[in-house]
């Protein structure tokens, strides 16, 4: 299930676990797994920024509050520059 957060610049990020192309079992929830209890999450902006990929713990949807998730997105966008 996608999760939406909005950053200080008003960009709305929609984040969801990645599935397609990650394994032969695309569509299987395990396809997003990149390590033990780690998943690839794709965050897509509403505009003006580039999509980022994050590697997060399996419980990222509930364990990370909005500020923590935005911090990871910000770190990934800064790394991409």
PDB file of N, CA and C in Angstrom:
ATOM      1  N   UNK A   1       0.841  -1.173   0.000  1.00  0.00           N
ATOM      2  CA  UNK A   1       0.000   0.000   0.000  1.00  0.00           C
ATOM      3  C   UNK A   1       0.893   1.246   0.000  1.00  0.00           C
ATOM      4  N   UNK A   2       0.700   2.158  -0.944  1.00  0.00           N
ATOM      5  CA  UNK A   2       1.524   3.363  -1.007  1.00  0.00           C
ATOM      6  C   UNK A   2       1.319   4.254   0.216  1.00  0.00           C
ATOM      7  N   UNK A   3       2.356   4.983   0.525  1.00  0.00           N
ATOM      8  CA  UNK A   3       2.312   5.941   1.634  1.00  0.00           C
ATOM      9  C   UNK A   3       2.732   7.294   1.091  1.00  0.00           C
ATOM     10  N   UNK A   4       2.007   8.349   1.456  1.00  0.00           N
ATOM     11  CA  UNK A   4       2.308   9.695   0.986  1.00  0.00           C
ATOM     12  C   UNK A   4       2.802  10.564   2.129  1.00  0.00           C
ATOM     13  N   UNK A   5       3.840  11.350   1.839  1.00  0.00           N
ATOM     14  CA  UNK A   5       4.371  12.345   2.777  1.00  0.00           C
ATOM     15  C   UNK A   5       4.667  13.609   1.980  1.00  0.00           C
ATOM     16  N   UNK A   6       4.587  14.765   2.643  1.00  0.00           N
ATOM     17  CA  UNK A   6       4.861  16.039   1.977  1.00  0.00           C
ATOM     18  C   UNK A   6       6.031  16.718   2.667  1.00  0.00           C
ATOM     19  N   UNK A   7       7.001  17.152   1.851  1.00  0.00           N
ATOM     20  CA  UNK A   7       8.189  17.787   2.425  1.00  0.00           C
ATOM     21  C   UNK A   7       7.977  19.288   2.616  1.00  0.00           C
ATOM     22  N   UNK A   8       8.984  19.957   3.147  1.00  0.00           N
ATOM     23  CA  UNK A   8       8.903  21.385   3.453  1.00  0.00           C
ATOM     24  C   UNK A   8       8.724  22.250   2.210  1.00  0.00           C
ATOM     25  N   UNK A   9       9.110  21.727   1.042  1.00  0.00           N
ATOM     26  CA  UNK A   9       8.956  22.463  -0.217  1.00  0.00           C
ATOM     27  C   UNK A   9       7.595  22.234  -0.859  1.00  0.00           C
ATOM     28  N   UNK A  10       6.739  21.457  -0.190  1.00  0.00           N
ATOM     29  CA  UNK A  10       5.407  21.180  -0.716  1.00  0.00           C
ATOM     30  C   UNK A  10       5.368  20.044  -1.727  1.00  0.00           C
ATOM     31  N   UNK A  11       6.465  19.320  -1.874  1.00  0.00           N
ATOM     32  CA  UNK A  11       6.488  18.182  -2.797  1.00  0.00           C
ATOM     33  C   UNK A  11       5.889  16.980  -2.085  1.00  0.00           C
ATOM     34  N   UNK A  12       4.880  16.397  -2.700  1.00  0.00           N
ATOM     35  CA  UNK A  12       4.229  15.210  -2.142  1.00  0.00           C
ATOM     36  C   UNK A  12       4.927  13.980  -2.710  1.00  0.00           C
ATOM     37  N   UNK A  13       5.443  13.148  -1.823  1.00  0.00           N
ATOM     38  CA  UNK A  13       6.145  11.931  -2.197  1.00  0.00           C
ATOM     39  C   UNK A  13       5.224  10.743  -1.965  1.00  0.00           C
ATOM     40  N   UNK A  14       5.097   9.885  -2.969  1.00  0.00           N
ATOM     41  CA  UNK A  14       4.345   8.647  -2.836  1.00  0.00           C
ATOM     42  C   UNK A  14       5.355   7.508  -2.822  1.00  0.00           C
ATOM     43  N   UNK A  15       5.376   6.761  -1.714  1.00  0.00           N
ATOM     44  CA  UNK A  15       6.358   5.693  -1.530  1.00  0.00           C
ATOM     45  C   UNK A  15       5.673   4.339  -1.485  1.00  0.00           C
ATOM     46  N   UNK A  16       6.252   3.366  -2.176  1.00  0.00           N
ATOM     47  CA  UNK A  16       5.715   2.005  -2.196  1.00  0.00           C
ATOM     48  C   UNK A  16       6.855   1.031  -2.442  1.00  0.00           C
ATOM     49  N   UNK A  17       6.694  -0.191  -1.954  1.00  0.00           N
ATOM     50  CA  UNK A  17       7.694  -1.222  -2.206  1.00  0.00           C
ATOM     51  C   UNK A  17       7.774  -1.503  -3.687  1.00  0.00           C
ATOM     52  N   UNK A  18       9.001  -1.707  -4.164  1.00  0.00           N
ATOM     53  CA  UNK A  18       9.230  -2.009  -5.575  1.00  0.00           C
ATOM     54  C   UNK A  18       9.010  -3.492  -5.817  1.00  0.00           C
ATOM     55  N   UNK A  19       8.443  -3.826  -6.960  1.00  0.00           N
ATOM     56  CA  UNK A  19       8.222  -5.230  -7.305  1.00  0.00           C
ATOM     57  C   UNK A  19       8.760  -5.584  -8.676  1.00  0.00           C
ATOM     58  N   UNK A  20       8.330  -4.894  -9.696  1.00  0.00           N
ATOM     59  CA  UNK A  20       8.638  -5.264 -11.072  1.00  0.00           C
ATOM     60  C   UNK A  20      10.132  -5.296 -11.337  1.00  0.00           C
ATOM     61  N   UNK A  21      10.584  -6.358 -11.965  1.00  0.00           N
ATOM     62  CA  UNK A  21      11.953  -6.470 -12.414  1.00  0.00           C
ATOM     63  C   UNK A  21      12.953  -6.820 -11.336  1.00  0.00           C
ATOM     64  N   UNK A  22      12.513  -7.064 -10.127  1.00  0.00           N
ATOM     65  CA  UNK A  22      13.463  -7.368  -9.065  1.00  0.00           C
ATOM     66  C   UNK A  22      13.710  -8.853  -8.894  1.00  0.00           C
ATOM     67  N   UNK A  23      12.841  -9.668  -9.451  1.00  0.00           N
ATOM     68  CA  UNK A  23      13.061 -11.109  -9.378  1.00  0.00           C
ATOM     69  C   UNK A  23      12.218 -11.784 -10.444  1.00  0.00           C
ATOM     70  N   UNK A  24      12.392 -13.071 -10.557  1.00  0.00           N
ATOM     71  CA  UNK A  24      11.582 -13.831 -11.504  1.00  0.00           C
ATOM     72  C   UNK A  24      10.147 -13.917 -11.041  1.00  0.00           C
ATOM     73  N   UNK A  25       9.900 -13.596  -9.780  1.00  0.00           N
ATOM     74  CA  UNK A  25       8.564 -13.704  -9.206  1.00  0.00           C
ATOM     75  C   UNK A  25       7.939 -12.331  -9.052  1.00  0.00           C
ATOM     76  N   UNK A  26       8.013 -11.490 -10.087  1.00  0.00           N
ATOM     77  CA  UNK A  26       7.461 -10.140 -10.000  1.00  0.00           C
ATOM     78  C   UNK A  26       6.012 -10.199  -9.544  1.00  0.00           C
ATOM     79  N   UNK A  27       5.668  -9.315  -8.656  1.00  0.00           N
ATOM     80  CA  UNK A  27       4.331  -9.306  -8.093  1.00  0.00           C
ATOM     81  C   UNK A  27       4.258 -10.023  -6.758  1.00  0.00           C
ATOM     82  N   UNK A  28       5.232 -10.863  -6.473  1.00  0.00           N
ATOM     83  CA  UNK A  28       5.316 -11.554  -5.190  1.00  0.00           C
ATOM     84  C   UNK A  28       5.946 -10.578  -4.207  1.00  0.00           C
ATOM     85  N   UNK A  29       5.341 -10.392  -3.014  1.00  0.00           N
ATOM     86  CA  UNK A  29       5.907  -9.438  -2.056  1.00  0.00           C
ATOM     87  C   UNK A  29       7.384  -9.671  -1.757  1.00  0.00           C
ATOM     88  N   UNK A  30       7.860 -10.886  -1.878  1.00  0.00           N
ATOM     89  CA  UNK A  30       9.275 -11.136  -1.622  1.00  0.00           C
ATOM     90  C   UNK A  30      10.160 -10.557  -2.725  1.00  0.00           C
ATOM     91  N   UNK A  31       9.558 -10.170  -3.840  1.00  0.00           N
ATOM     92  CA  UNK A  31      10.340  -9.627  -4.943  1.00  0.00           C
ATOM     93  C   UNK A  31      11.012  -8.312  -4.577  1.00  0.00           C
ATOM     94  N   UNK A  32      10.460  -7.569  -3.626  1.00  0.00           N
ATOM     95  CA  UNK A  32      11.032  -6.291  -3.233  1.00  0.00           C
ATOM     96  C   UNK A  32      12.156  -6.460  -2.216  1.00  0.00           C
ATOM     97  N   UNK A  33      12.393  -7.667  -1.773  1.00  0.00           N
ATOM     98  CA  UNK A  33      13.399  -7.926  -0.744  1.00  0.00           C
ATOM     99  C   UNK A  33      14.805  -7.761  -1.326  1.00  0.00           C
ATOM    100  N   UNK A  34      15.620  -6.986  -0.635  1.00  0.00           N
ATOM    101  CA  UNK A  34      17.007  -6.785  -1.059  1.00  0.00           C
ATOM    102  C   UNK A  34      17.985  -7.303  -0.020  1.00  0.00           C
ATOM    103  N   UNK A  35      17.482  -7.817   1.047  1.00  0.00           N
ATOM    104  CA  UNK A  35      18.300  -8.381   2.111  1.00  0.00           C
ATOM    105  C   UNK A  35      17.373  -8.930   3.179  1.00  0.00           C
ATOM    106  N   UNK A  36      17.968  -9.505   4.203  1.00  0.00           N
ATOM    107  CA  UNK A  36      17.132 -10.047   5.273  1.00  0.00           C
ATOM    108  C   UNK A  36      16.371  -8.900   5.936  1.00  0.00           C
ATOM    109  N   UNK A  37      15.054  -8.948   5.847  1.00  0.00           N
ATOM    110  CA  UNK A  37      14.173  -7.923   6.419  1.00  0.00           C
ATOM    111  C   UNK A  37      14.433  -6.526   5.869  1.00  0.00           C
ATOM    112  N   UNK A  38      14.928  -6.423   4.629  1.00  0.00           N
ATOM    113  CA  UNK A  38      15.163  -5.142   3.960  1.00  0.00           C
ATOM    114  C   UNK A  38      14.458  -5.167   2.617  1.00  0.00           C
ATOM    115  N   UNK A  39      13.823  -4.059   2.271  1.00  0.00           N
ATOM    116  CA  UNK A  39      13.061  -3.966   1.035  1.00  0.00           C
ATOM    117  C   UNK A  39      13.437  -2.714   0.265  1.00  0.00           C
ATOM    118  N   UNK A  40      13.320  -2.800  -1.054  1.00  0.00           N
ATOM    119  CA  UNK A  40      13.518  -1.628  -1.897  1.00  0.00           C
ATOM    120  C   UNK A  40      12.187  -0.894  -1.972  1.00  0.00           C
ATOM    121  N   UNK A  41      12.230   0.396  -1.686  1.00  0.00           N
ATOM    122  CA  UNK A  41      11.053   1.253  -1.699  1.00  0.00           C
ATOM    123  C   UNK A  41      11.317   2.363  -2.702  1.00  0.00           C
ATOM    124  N   UNK A  42      10.348   2.610  -3.586  1.00  0.00           N
ATOM    125  CA  UNK A  42      10.457   3.669  -4.581  1.00  0.00           C
ATOM    126  C   UNK A  42       9.574   4.828  -4.138  1.00  0.00           C
ATOM    127  N   UNK A  43      10.155   6.036  -4.096  1.00  0.00           N
ATOM    128  CA  UNK A  43       9.421   7.238  -3.719  1.00  0.00           C
ATOM    129  C   UNK A  43       9.384   8.165  -4.931  1.00  0.00           C
ATOM    130  N   UNK A  44       8.174   8.471  -5.377  1.00  0.00           N
ATOM    131  CA  UNK A  44       7.959   9.278  -6.571  1.00  0.00           C
ATOM    132  C   UNK A  44       7.407  10.640  -6.160  1.00  0.00           C
ATOM    133  N   UNK A  45       8.013  11.730  -6.638  1.00  0.00           N
ATOM    134  CA  UNK A  45       7.565  13.068  -6.260  1.00  0.00           C
ATOM    135  C   UNK A  45       6.385  13.541  -7.095  1.00  0.00           C
ATOM    136  N   UNK A  46       5.657  14.522  -6.565  1.00  0.00           N
ATOM    137  CA  UNK A  46       4.550  15.120  -7.302  1.00  0.00           C
ATOM    138  C   UNK A  46       5.055  16.035  -8.403  1.00  0.00           C
ATOM    139  N   UNK A  47       6.298  16.445  -8.341  1.00  0.00           N
ATOM    140  CA  UNK A  47       6.871  17.279  -9.390  1.00  0.00           C
ATOM    141  C   UNK A  47       8.137  17.965  -8.929  1.00  0.00           C
ATOM    142  N   UNK A  48       9.004  18.279  -9.867  1.00  0.00           N
ATOM    143  CA  UNK A  48      10.195  19.048  -9.577  1.00  0.00           C
ATOM    144  C   UNK A  48      11.366  18.283  -8.997  1.00  0.00           C
ATOM    145  N   UNK A  49      11.200  17.037  -8.692  1.00  0.00           N
ATOM    146  CA  UNK A  49      12.298  16.254  -8.116  1.00  0.00           C
ATOM    147  C   UNK A  49      12.355  14.902  -8.820  1.00  0.00           C
ATOM    148  N   UNK A  50      13.428  14.183  -8.594  1.00  0.00           N
ATOM    149  CA  UNK A  50      13.630  12.887  -9.233  1.00  0.00           C
ATOM    150  C   UNK A  50      13.204  11.766  -8.291  1.00  0.00           C
ATOM    151  N   UNK A  51      12.632  10.708  -8.860  1.00  0.00           N
ATOM    152  CA  UNK A  51      12.268   9.522  -8.093  1.00  0.00           C
ATOM    153  C   UNK A  51      13.501   8.977  -7.393  1.00  0.00           C
ATOM    154  N   UNK A  52      13.315   8.509  -6.162  1.00  0.00           N
ATOM    155  CA  UNK A  52      14.423   7.927  -5.414  1.00  0.00           C
ATOM    156  C   UNK A  52      14.083   6.503  -4.995  1.00  0.00           C
ATOM    157  N   UNK A  53      15.103   5.694  -4.851  1.00  0.00           N
ATOM    158  CA  UNK A  53      14.962   4.324  -4.353  1.00  0.00           C
ATOM    159  C   UNK A  53      15.653   4.245  -3.004  1.00  0.00           C
ATOM    160  N   UNK A  54      14.940   3.677  -2.059  1.00  0.00           N
ATOM    161  CA  UNK A  54      15.460   3.537  -0.703  1.00  0.00           C
ATOM    162  C   UNK A  54      15.503   2.070  -0.330  1.00  0.00           C
ATOM    163  N   UNK A  55      16.433   1.706   0.513  1.00  0.00           N
ATOM    164  CA  UNK A  55      16.471   0.358   1.074  1.00  0.00           C
ATOM    165  C   UNK A  55      16.073   0.504   2.539  1.00  0.00           C
ATOM    166  N   UNK A  56      14.886  -0.033   2.873  1.00  0.00           N
ATOM    167  CA  UNK A  56      14.322   0.174   4.206  1.00  0.00           C
ATOM    168  C   UNK A  56      13.966  -1.139   4.878  1.00  0.00           C
ATOM    169  N   UNK A  57      13.827  -1.091   6.188  1.00  0.00           N
ATOM    170  CA  UNK A  57      13.412  -2.266   6.963  1.00  0.00           C
ATOM    171  C   UNK A  57      12.008  -2.686   6.553  1.00  0.00           C
ATOM    172  N   UNK A  58      11.707  -3.955   6.740  1.00  0.00           N
ATOM    173  CA  UNK A  58      10.424  -4.519   6.325  1.00  0.00           C
ATOM    174  C   UNK A  58       9.234  -3.782   6.923  1.00  0.00           C
ATOM    175  N   UNK A  59       9.388  -3.231   8.111  1.00  0.00           N
ATOM    176  CA  UNK A  59       8.270  -2.557   8.778  1.00  0.00           C
ATOM    177  C   UNK A  59       8.281  -1.041   8.557  1.00  0.00           C
ATOM    178  N   UNK A  60       8.887  -0.581   7.478  1.00  0.00           N
ATOM    179  CA  UNK A  60       9.052   0.845   7.215  1.00  0.00           C
ATOM    180  C   UNK A  60       7.743   1.612   7.232  1.00  0.00           C
ATOM    181  N   UNK A  61       6.658   0.995   6.774  1.00  0.00           N
ATOM    182  CA  UNK A  61       5.374   1.709   6.687  1.00  0.00           C
ATOM    183  C   UNK A  61       4.858   2.141   8.054  1.00  0.00           C
ATOM    184  N   UNK A  62       5.157   1.366   9.082  1.00  0.00           N
ATOM    185  CA  UNK A  62       4.671   1.691  10.416  1.00  0.00           C
ATOM    186  C   UNK A  62       5.778   2.161  11.353  1.00  0.00           C
ATOM    187  N   UNK A  63       7.010   1.726  11.129  1.00  0.00           N
ATOM    188  CA  UNK A  63       8.102   2.047  12.045  1.00  0.00           C
ATOM    189  C   UNK A  63       8.654   3.455  11.830  1.00  0.00           C
ATOM    190  N   UNK A  64       8.614   3.952  10.601  1.00  0.00           N
ATOM    191  CA  UNK A  64       9.137   5.291  10.316  1.00  0.00           C
ATOM    192  C   UNK A  64       8.012   6.312  10.370  1.00  0.00           C
ATOM    193  N   UNK A  65       8.219   7.390  11.148  1.00  0.00           N
ATOM    194  CA  UNK A  65       7.222   8.457  11.099  1.00  0.00           C
ATOM    195  C   UNK A  65       7.513   9.300   9.847  1.00  0.00           C
ATOM    196  N   UNK A  66       6.655  10.261   9.561  1.00  0.00           N
ATOM    197  CA  UNK A  66       6.797  11.054   8.338  1.00  0.00           C
ATOM    198  C   UNK A  66       8.148  11.770   8.264  1.00  0.00           C
ATOM    199  N   UNK A  67       8.589  12.340   9.377  1.00  0.00           N
ATOM    200  CA  UNK A  67       9.864  13.068   9.381  1.00  0.00           C
ATOM    201  C   UNK A  67      11.041  12.139   9.101  1.00  0.00           C
ATOM    202  N   UNK A  68      11.005  10.935   9.642  1.00  0.00           N
ATOM    203  CA  UNK A  68      12.085   9.979   9.399  1.00  0.00           C
ATOM    204  C   UNK A  68      12.109   9.566   7.926  1.00  0.00           C
ATOM    205  N   UNK A  69      10.929   9.301   7.360  1.00  0.00           N
ATOM    206  CA  UNK A  69      10.851   8.923   5.953  1.00  0.00           C
ATOM    207  C   UNK A  69      11.332  10.070   5.066  1.00  0.00           C
ATOM    208  N   UNK A  70      10.898  11.289   5.374  1.00  0.00           N
ATOM    209  CA  UNK A  70      11.359  12.446   4.601  1.00  0.00           C
ATOM    210  C   UNK A  70      12.870  12.636   4.738  1.00  0.00           C
ATOM    211  N   UNK A  71      13.422  12.339   5.896  1.00  0.00           N
ATOM    212  CA  UNK A  71      14.868  12.426   6.082  1.00  0.00           C
ATOM    213  C   UNK A  71      15.607  11.452   5.180  1.00  0.00           C
ATOM    214  N   UNK A  72      15.078  10.258   5.035  1.00  0.00           N
ATOM    215  CA  UNK A  72      15.701   9.256   4.154  1.00  0.00           C
ATOM    216  C   UNK A  72      15.576   9.671   2.692  1.00  0.00           C
ATOM    217  N   UNK A  73      14.421  10.233   2.327  1.00  0.00           N
ATOM    218  CA  UNK A  73      14.232  10.729   0.959  1.00  0.00           C
ATOM    219  C   UNK A  73      15.225  11.861   0.692  1.00  0.00           C
ATOM    220  N   UNK A  74      15.335  12.787   1.628  1.00  0.00           N
ATOM    221  CA  UNK A  74      16.257  13.920   1.480  1.00  0.00           C
ATOM    222  C   UNK A  74      17.695  13.441   1.342  1.00  0.00           C
ATOM    223  N   UNK A  75      18.088  12.486   2.158  1.00  0.00           N
ATOM    224  CA  UNK A  75      19.447  11.945   2.075  1.00  0.00           C
ATOM    225  C   UNK A  75      19.689  11.308   0.708  1.00  0.00           C
ATOM    226  N   UNK A  76      18.699  10.575   0.198  1.00  0.00           N
ATOM    227  CA  UNK A  76      18.849   9.919  -1.104  1.00  0.00           C
ATOM    228  C   UNK A  76      18.921  10.944  -2.234  1.00  0.00           C
ATOM    229  N   UNK A  77      18.153  12.019  -2.150  1.00  0.00           N
ATOM    230  CA  UNK A  77      18.206  13.033  -3.210  1.00  0.00           C
ATOM    231  C   UNK A  77      19.528  13.778  -3.154  1.00  0.00           C
ATOM    232  N   UNK A  78      20.062  13.996  -1.960  1.00  0.00           N
ATOM    233  CA  UNK A  78      21.368  14.655  -1.833  1.00  0.00           C
ATOM    234  C   UNK A  78      22.488  13.761  -2.347  1.00  0.00           C
ATOM    235  N   UNK A  79      22.384  12.452  -2.120  1.00  0.00           N
ATOM    236  CA  UNK A  79      23.382  11.504  -2.620  1.00  0.00           C
ATOM    237  C   UNK A  79      23.380  11.447  -4.140  1.00  0.00           C
ATOM    238  N   UNK A  80      22.201  11.668  -4.745  1.00  0.00           N
ATOM    239  CA  UNK A  80      22.072  11.590  -6.202  1.00  0.00           C
ATOM    240  C   UNK A  80      22.679  12.803  -6.899  1.00  0.00           C
ATOM    241  N   UNK A  81      22.908  13.851  -6.159  1.00  0.00           N
ATOM    242  CA  UNK A  81      23.443  15.095  -6.770  1.00  0.00           C
ATOM    243  C   UNK A  81      24.921  15.050  -6.938  1.00  0.00           C
TER     244      UNK A  81
END
